[in-house]
Amino acid sequence: MELEVEKVKVVVYPDGRLDTENAARFLGLSPKTLAIMRSNGSGPRFVKRGRVFYFLDDLQAWVTEQPRVRSCAQARVVG
């Protein structure tokens, strides 16, 4: 079985920051979903410097820390 990987272009500032739109694109989420996760404390770490930014290292760590599940029912129990 051959899988095709879709490349997604994101803009990362020289210091490793991404704005909300690019962070959402990197994570495969919508910016609105990421904003909701930010407001309820379930999303990746961020900084607010006038605007909200995410550091690439924090996004990668957050993805790695998320538990892997086999079903939505299991995700509700884990989450």
C-alpha atoms as a PDB file:
ATOM      1  CA  MET A   1       0.000   0.000   0.000  1.00  0.00           C
ATOM      2  CA  GLU A   2       1.527   3.277  -1.104  1.00  0.00           C
ATOM      3  CA  LEU A   3       0.638   6.428   0.791  1.00  0.00           C
ATOM      4  CA  GLU A   4       0.850   9.886  -0.651  1.00  0.00           C
ATOM      5  CA  VAL A   5       1.921  12.588   1.771  1.00  0.00           C
ATOM      6  CA  GLU A   6       0.518  16.038   1.205  1.00  0.00           C
ATOM      7  CA  LYS A   7       3.032  18.809   1.746  1.00  0.00           C
ATOM      8  CA  VAL A   8       1.704  21.854   3.543  1.00  0.00           C
ATOM      9  CA  LYS A   9       3.475  25.185   3.338  1.00  0.00           C
ATOM     10  CA  VAL A  10       3.754  27.070   6.622  1.00  0.00           C
ATOM     11  CA  VAL A  11       5.537  30.316   7.395  1.00  0.00           C
ATOM     12  CA  VAL A  12       7.910  30.181  10.357  1.00  0.00           C
ATOM     13  CA  TYR A  13       9.548  33.388  11.581  1.00  0.00           C
ATOM     14  CA  PRO A  14      13.357  33.309  12.015  1.00  0.00           C
ATOM     15  CA  ASP A  15      12.969  32.875  15.802  1.00  0.00           C
ATOM     16  CA  GLY A  16      10.761  29.772  15.354  1.00  0.00           C
ATOM     17  CA  ARG A  17       7.363  31.459  15.856  1.00  0.00           C
ATOM     18  CA  LEU A  18       4.226  30.731  13.849  1.00  0.00           C
ATOM     19  CA  ASP A  19       1.055  32.811  13.867  1.00  0.00           C
ATOM     20  CA  THR A  20      -2.275  31.120  14.577  1.00  0.00           C
ATOM     21  CA  GLU A  21      -3.103  30.446  10.929  1.00  0.00           C
ATOM     22  CA  ASN A  22       0.241  28.792  10.201  1.00  0.00           C
ATOM     23  CA  ALA A  23       0.223  26.861  13.492  1.00  0.00           C
ATOM     24  CA  ALA A  24      -3.247  25.531  12.669  1.00  0.00           C
ATOM     25  CA  ARG A  25      -2.095  24.545   9.172  1.00  0.00           C
ATOM     26  CA  PHE A  26       0.946  22.758  10.665  1.00  0.00           C
ATOM     27  CA  LEU A  27      -1.320  20.820  13.066  1.00  0.00           C
ATOM     28  CA  GLY A  28      -4.012  20.080  10.477  1.00  0.00           C
ATOM     29  CA  LEU A  29      -6.613  22.073  12.402  1.00  0.00           C
ATOM     30  CA  SER A  30      -8.673  25.120  11.579  1.00  0.00           C
ATOM     31  CA  PRO A  31      -7.615  28.421  13.176  1.00  0.00           C
ATOM     32  CA  LYS A  32     -11.000  28.517  14.962  1.00  0.00           C
ATOM     33  CA  THR A  33     -10.432  25.050  16.480  1.00  0.00           C
ATOM     34  CA  LEU A  34      -6.986  26.106  17.637  1.00  0.00           C
ATOM     35  CA  ALA A  35      -8.460  29.276  19.197  1.00  0.00           C
ATOM     36  CA  ILE A  36     -11.073  27.218  21.056  1.00  0.00           C
ATOM     37  CA  MET A  37      -8.376  24.840  22.303  1.00  0.00           C
ATOM     38  CA  ARG A  38      -6.319  27.842  23.410  1.00  0.00           C
ATOM     39  CA  SER A  39      -9.230  29.311  25.369  1.00  0.00           C
ATOM     40  CA  ASN A  40     -10.060  26.069  27.182  1.00  0.00           C
ATOM     41  CA  GLY A  41      -6.422  25.149  27.855  1.00  0.00           C
ATOM     42  CA  SER A  42      -6.322  21.956  25.813  1.00  0.00           C
ATOM     43  CA  GLY A  43      -4.059  23.159  23.000  1.00  0.00           C
ATOM     44  CA  PRO A  44      -0.329  23.677  22.624  1.00  0.00           C
ATOM     45  CA  ARG A  45       1.604  26.341  24.546  1.00  0.00           C
ATOM     46  CA  PHE A  46       1.493  29.845  23.067  1.00  0.00           C
ATOM     47  CA  VAL A  47       2.689  33.370  23.732  1.00  0.00           C
ATOM     48  CA  LYS A  48       0.763  36.586  23.318  1.00  0.00           C
ATOM     49  CA  ARG A  49       2.822  39.494  22.075  1.00  0.00           C
ATOM     50  CA  GLY A  50       0.061  41.733  20.828  1.00  0.00           C
ATOM     51  CA  ARG A  51      -0.881  38.757  18.653  1.00  0.00           C
ATOM     52  CA  VAL A  52      -0.845  35.072  19.512  1.00  0.00           C
ATOM     53  CA  PHE A  53       2.186  33.056  18.415  1.00  0.00           C
ATOM     54  CA  TYR A  54       3.224  29.434  18.772  1.00  0.00           C
ATOM     55  CA  PHE A  55       6.784  28.161  18.750  1.00  0.00           C
ATOM     56  CA  LEU A  56       7.487  25.283  16.376  1.00  0.00           C
ATOM     57  CA  ASP A  57       9.196  23.275  19.151  1.00  0.00           C
ATOM     58  CA  ASP A  58       6.070  23.602  21.325  1.00  0.00           C
ATOM     59  CA  LEU A  59       3.800  22.454  18.483  1.00  0.00           C
ATOM     60  CA  GLN A  60       5.974  19.415  17.795  1.00  0.00           C
ATOM     61  CA  ALA A  61       6.107  18.550  21.513  1.00  0.00           C
ATOM     62  CA  TRP A  62       2.332  18.903  21.852  1.00  0.00           C
ATOM     63  CA  VAL A  63       1.726  16.534  18.927  1.00  0.00           C
ATOM     64  CA  THR A  64       4.124  13.991  20.427  1.00  0.00           C
ATOM     65  CA  GLU A  65       2.487  14.224  23.877  1.00  0.00           C
ATOM     66  CA  GLN A  66      -1.025  13.489  22.597  1.00  0.00           C
ATOM     67  CA  PRO A  67      -2.147   9.940  23.395  1.00  0.00           C
ATOM     68  CA  ARG A  68      -2.771   7.608  20.488  1.00  0.00           C
ATOM     69  CA  VAL A  69      -6.203   6.060  20.461  1.00  0.00           C
ATOM     70  CA  ARG A  70      -8.040   3.510  18.333  1.00  0.00           C
ATOM     71  CA  SER A  71     -11.555   4.963  18.484  1.00  0.00           C
ATOM     72  CA  CYS A  72     -13.491   8.134  19.254  1.00  0.00           C
ATOM     73  CA  ALA A  73     -14.937   6.434  22.345  1.00  0.00           C
ATOM     74  CA  GLN A  74     -11.419   5.789  23.629  1.00  0.00           C
ATOM     75  CA  ALA A  75     -10.471   9.399  22.859  1.00  0.00           C
ATOM     76  CA  ARG A  76     -13.343  10.661  25.047  1.00  0.00           C
ATOM     77  CA  VAL A  77     -12.089   8.547  27.949  1.00  0.00           C
ATOM     78  CA  VAL A  78      -8.441   9.573  27.491  1.00  0.00           C
ATOM     79  CA  GLY A  79      -9.195  13.258  26.790  1.00  0.00           C
END
